[in-house]
Amino acid sequence: MGLYSILESLLTFVLGMAKAPDLQLKQGDIAPAFTALNQHGATVSLDHYLGQQVVLFFYPRDNTPGCNKEACSFRDSFALFGDKNTVVLGVSPDSVKSHVKFVEKFSLPFLLLADETKAVANAYGVWGEKTFMGRKYMGNHRVTFLIGADGRIKKIWGLVSPEFHAQEILLELQP
C-alpha cells in the first residue's frame, strides 16, 4: 500500500468519524443476547457461539465505500480469525436480499445479520444520530465488540478505521 493510500484512508477516517458514540455497554458486561437472520435467511443467535470468541461489527450500510473496505478487511483476514477460535459477524440494518448481493459482490466468507428492526443495534447502543457533511440522520455507528467465549464483552472499538480494523482486532487477539 502506497503512502497516498494510507493518507487517503487516514483522512477519510478523521473526516468521516467526528466522535465515538456514547455507549452504555462496557468491557466486562455480559453481551446482550440477540437473534437475527443471516444472508441465507437462517436464524443466528449469540448463544450459538458460546465457547468461541465473537467479533460483532456494526456497520452503516452495504455497498458504501467505508463499509466495503471494512468488510473486505475482514474477508482478507478471515482465516486468521478462525485460527484463533473467533467468529466474525457483521450487522447492519440492510435486508437479507441486500446482504446476499453484498456477500456475492465481495466474496465475503462470514455471516452478515439483517437488523431491519434495529433490535440488535439498539441492544448494543449503536443506533443513533449521526452527522455527515453537516447533515444529521439516524443510522448504525461503526462500532465493534469483541465478545469472549464466556459471553462477556472483552473490548469495544468505538472509533474504527474501516480499512485496517480487522488487523487491529487481530492484534488484540494475540497471546
Protein backbone atom coordinates (compact mmCIF):
# COMPACT_ATOMS: atom_id res chain seq x y z
CA MET A 1 0.00 0.00 0.00
CA GLY A 2 1.42 3.36 -1.02
CA LEU A 3 1.75 6.45 1.12
CA TYR A 4 -1.07 8.12 -0.81
CA SER A 5 -3.49 5.28 0.04
CA ILE A 6 -2.54 5.42 3.72
CA LEU A 7 -3.03 9.19 3.83
CA GLU A 8 -6.33 8.90 1.97
CA SER A 9 -7.59 6.29 4.43
CA LEU A 10 -6.49 8.35 7.41
CA LEU A 11 -8.18 11.46 6.02
CA THR A 12 -11.39 9.53 5.33
CA PHE A 13 -11.30 8.18 8.88
CA VAL A 14 -10.73 11.58 10.50
CA LEU A 15 -13.34 13.41 8.43
CA GLY A 16 -15.91 10.63 8.48
CA MET A 17 -15.90 9.96 12.22
CA ALA A 18 -16.42 13.09 14.29
CA LYS A 19 -16.66 11.24 17.61
CA ALA A 20 -17.31 7.84 19.09
CA PRO A 21 -20.90 7.15 20.17
CA ASP A 22 -21.66 7.27 23.89
CA LEU A 23 -22.18 3.58 24.66
CA GLN A 24 -23.85 2.20 27.77
CA LEU A 25 -22.18 -1.21 27.41
CA LYS A 26 -18.70 -1.52 28.87
CA GLN A 27 -15.88 -4.01 28.86
CA GLY A 28 -16.76 -6.90 31.20
CA ASP A 29 -20.53 -6.61 30.68
CA ILE A 30 -22.49 -9.63 29.54
CA ALA A 31 -23.11 -9.18 25.82
CA PRO A 32 -26.82 -8.70 25.05
CA ALA A 33 -28.46 -11.78 23.57
CA PHE A 34 -29.79 -11.41 20.04
CA THR A 35 -31.42 -13.33 17.23
CA ALA A 36 -31.37 -12.19 13.60
CA LEU A 37 -31.48 -13.59 10.08
CA ASN A 38 -28.25 -14.03 8.16
CA GLN A 39 -27.76 -13.63 4.40
CA HIS A 40 -29.02 -17.21 3.90
CA GLY A 41 -32.29 -16.48 5.73
CA ALA A 42 -31.24 -18.69 8.66
CA THR A 43 -31.68 -17.59 12.27
CA VAL A 44 -28.47 -16.74 14.14
CA SER A 45 -28.28 -16.20 17.90
CA LEU A 46 -25.34 -15.14 20.01
CA ASP A 47 -25.78 -18.23 22.19
CA HIS A 48 -24.90 -20.38 19.15
CA TYR A 49 -21.31 -19.20 19.66
CA LEU A 50 -20.77 -19.77 23.40
CA GLY A 51 -17.29 -21.22 23.79
CA GLN A 52 -15.94 -19.14 20.90
CA GLN A 53 -14.91 -15.52 20.69
CA VAL A 54 -17.15 -13.36 18.51
CA VAL A 55 -16.24 -10.23 16.61
CA LEU A 56 -19.57 -8.42 16.27
CA PHE A 57 -19.06 -5.47 13.95
CA PHE A 58 -21.82 -2.97 13.28
CA TYR A 59 -21.63 -1.02 10.07
CA PRO A 60 -23.93 1.56 8.47
CA ARG A 61 -24.85 0.10 5.10
CA ASP A 62 -23.98 -2.48 2.45
CA ASN A 63 -22.12 -1.31 -0.65
CA THR A 64 -20.84 2.01 0.64
CA PRO A 65 -17.15 2.93 0.43
CA GLY A 66 -16.20 2.60 4.11
CA CYS A 67 -18.33 -0.50 4.63
CA ASN A 68 -16.82 -2.14 1.55
CA LYS A 69 -13.31 -1.52 2.91
CA GLU A 70 -14.19 -2.83 6.35
CA ALA A 71 -15.91 -5.97 5.03
CA CYS A 72 -13.00 -6.70 2.68
CA SER A 73 -10.55 -6.20 5.54
CA PHE A 74 -12.37 -8.92 7.49
CA ARG A 75 -12.55 -11.08 4.36
CA ASP A 76 -8.83 -10.84 3.75
CA SER A 77 -8.05 -11.79 7.37
CA PHE A 78 -10.85 -14.31 7.82
CA ALA A 79 -8.66 -17.43 8.12
CA LEU A 80 -6.61 -15.78 10.87
CA PHE A 81 -9.76 -15.24 12.95
CA GLY A 82 -10.68 -18.90 12.53
CA ASP A 83 -7.20 -19.88 13.71
CA LYS A 84 -7.98 -18.02 16.94
CA ASN A 85 -11.37 -19.70 17.50
CA THR A 86 -13.06 -16.40 16.68
CA VAL A 87 -16.25 -15.96 14.67
CA VAL A 88 -16.87 -12.78 12.63
CA LEU A 89 -20.43 -11.44 12.37
CA GLY A 90 -21.37 -8.20 10.60
CA VAL A 91 -24.59 -6.34 11.45
CA SER A 92 -26.38 -3.61 9.52
CA PRO A 93 -29.99 -2.51 9.06
CA ASP A 94 -29.93 -3.83 5.49
CA SER A 95 -32.23 -6.62 4.31
CA VAL A 96 -31.31 -10.26 3.73
CA LYS A 97 -31.58 -9.58 -0.02
CA SER A 98 -29.13 -6.67 0.23
CA HIS A 99 -26.71 -8.84 2.24
CA VAL A 100 -26.84 -11.58 -0.41
CA LYS A 101 -25.74 -9.08 -3.08
CA PHE A 102 -23.03 -7.62 -0.81
CA VAL A 103 -21.63 -11.07 0.04
CA GLU A 104 -21.61 -12.14 -3.61
CA LYS A 105 -20.05 -8.90 -4.86
CA PHE A 106 -17.11 -9.09 -2.43
CA SER A 107 -16.92 -12.87 -1.78
CA LEU A 108 -17.41 -12.39 1.94
CA PRO A 109 -16.86 -15.65 3.88
CA PHE A 110 -18.54 -14.56 7.13
CA LEU A 111 -22.17 -14.10 8.15
CA LEU A 112 -23.98 -10.79 7.83
CA LEU A 113 -27.01 -10.23 10.03
CA ALA A 114 -30.04 -8.34 8.76
CA ASP A 115 -31.17 -6.00 11.55
CA GLU A 116 -34.02 -4.26 9.75
CA THR A 117 -35.90 -3.61 13.02
CA LYS A 118 -32.69 -2.25 14.61
CA ALA A 119 -33.26 -4.57 17.61
CA VAL A 120 -29.64 -5.75 17.71
CA ALA A 121 -28.25 -2.25 17.14
CA ASN A 122 -30.45 -0.84 19.89
CA ALA A 123 -29.48 -3.63 22.31
CA TYR A 124 -25.82 -2.72 21.78
CA GLY A 125 -26.47 1.03 21.74
CA VAL A 126 -25.03 1.67 18.28
CA TRP A 127 -28.18 3.00 16.56
CA GLY A 128 -28.37 6.76 16.85
CA GLU A 129 -27.99 10.19 15.39
CA LYS A 130 -25.07 10.71 13.07
CA THR A 131 -23.74 13.73 11.21
CA PHE A 132 -22.07 13.69 7.83
CA MET A 133 -21.11 16.85 5.99
CA GLY A 134 -23.44 18.88 8.20
CA ARG A 135 -26.47 16.64 7.65
CA LYS A 136 -27.99 14.81 10.63
CA TYR A 137 -29.63 11.42 10.22
CA MET A 138 -30.21 8.15 12.10
CA GLY A 139 -28.06 5.10 11.47
CA ASN A 140 -25.67 2.48 12.80
CA HIS A 141 -22.47 3.83 14.24
CA ARG A 142 -19.43 1.87 13.13
CA VAL A 143 -18.66 0.03 16.36
CA THR A 144 -17.15 -3.39 17.04
CA PHE A 145 -17.49 -5.61 20.08
CA LEU A 146 -15.15 -8.47 20.88
CA ILE A 147 -17.19 -10.96 22.88
CA GLY A 148 -15.30 -13.60 24.82
CA ALA A 149 -16.03 -17.31 24.87
CA ASP A 150 -17.80 -16.70 28.20
CA GLY A 151 -20.28 -14.25 26.62
CA ARG A 152 -18.73 -11.15 28.19
CA ILE A 153 -17.55 -8.10 26.26
CA LYS A 154 -13.75 -8.18 26.14
CA LYS A 155 -13.20 -4.99 24.14
CA ILE A 156 -15.16 -2.27 22.34
CA TRP A 157 -13.91 -0.22 19.41
CA GLY A 158 -15.96 2.98 19.15
CA LEU A 159 -13.75 4.64 16.55
CA VAL A 160 -12.95 2.41 13.62
CA SER A 161 -10.70 2.83 10.62
CA PRO A 162 -12.52 0.56 8.13
CA GLU A 163 -9.52 -0.44 6.06
CA PHE A 164 -7.32 -1.51 8.98
CA HIS A 165 -9.87 -2.60 11.55
CA ALA A 166 -9.52 -6.37 11.13
CA GLN A 167 -5.77 -6.14 11.70
CA GLU A 168 -6.37 -4.02 14.79
CA ILE A 169 -8.63 -6.72 16.23
CA LEU A 170 -6.17 -9.49 15.35
CA LEU A 171 -3.51 -7.66 17.36
CA GLU A 172 -5.88 -7.73 20.33
CA LEU A 173 -6.28 -11.50 19.90
CA GLN A 174 -2.52 -12.09 20.03
CA PRO A 175 -1.32 -14.00 23.12
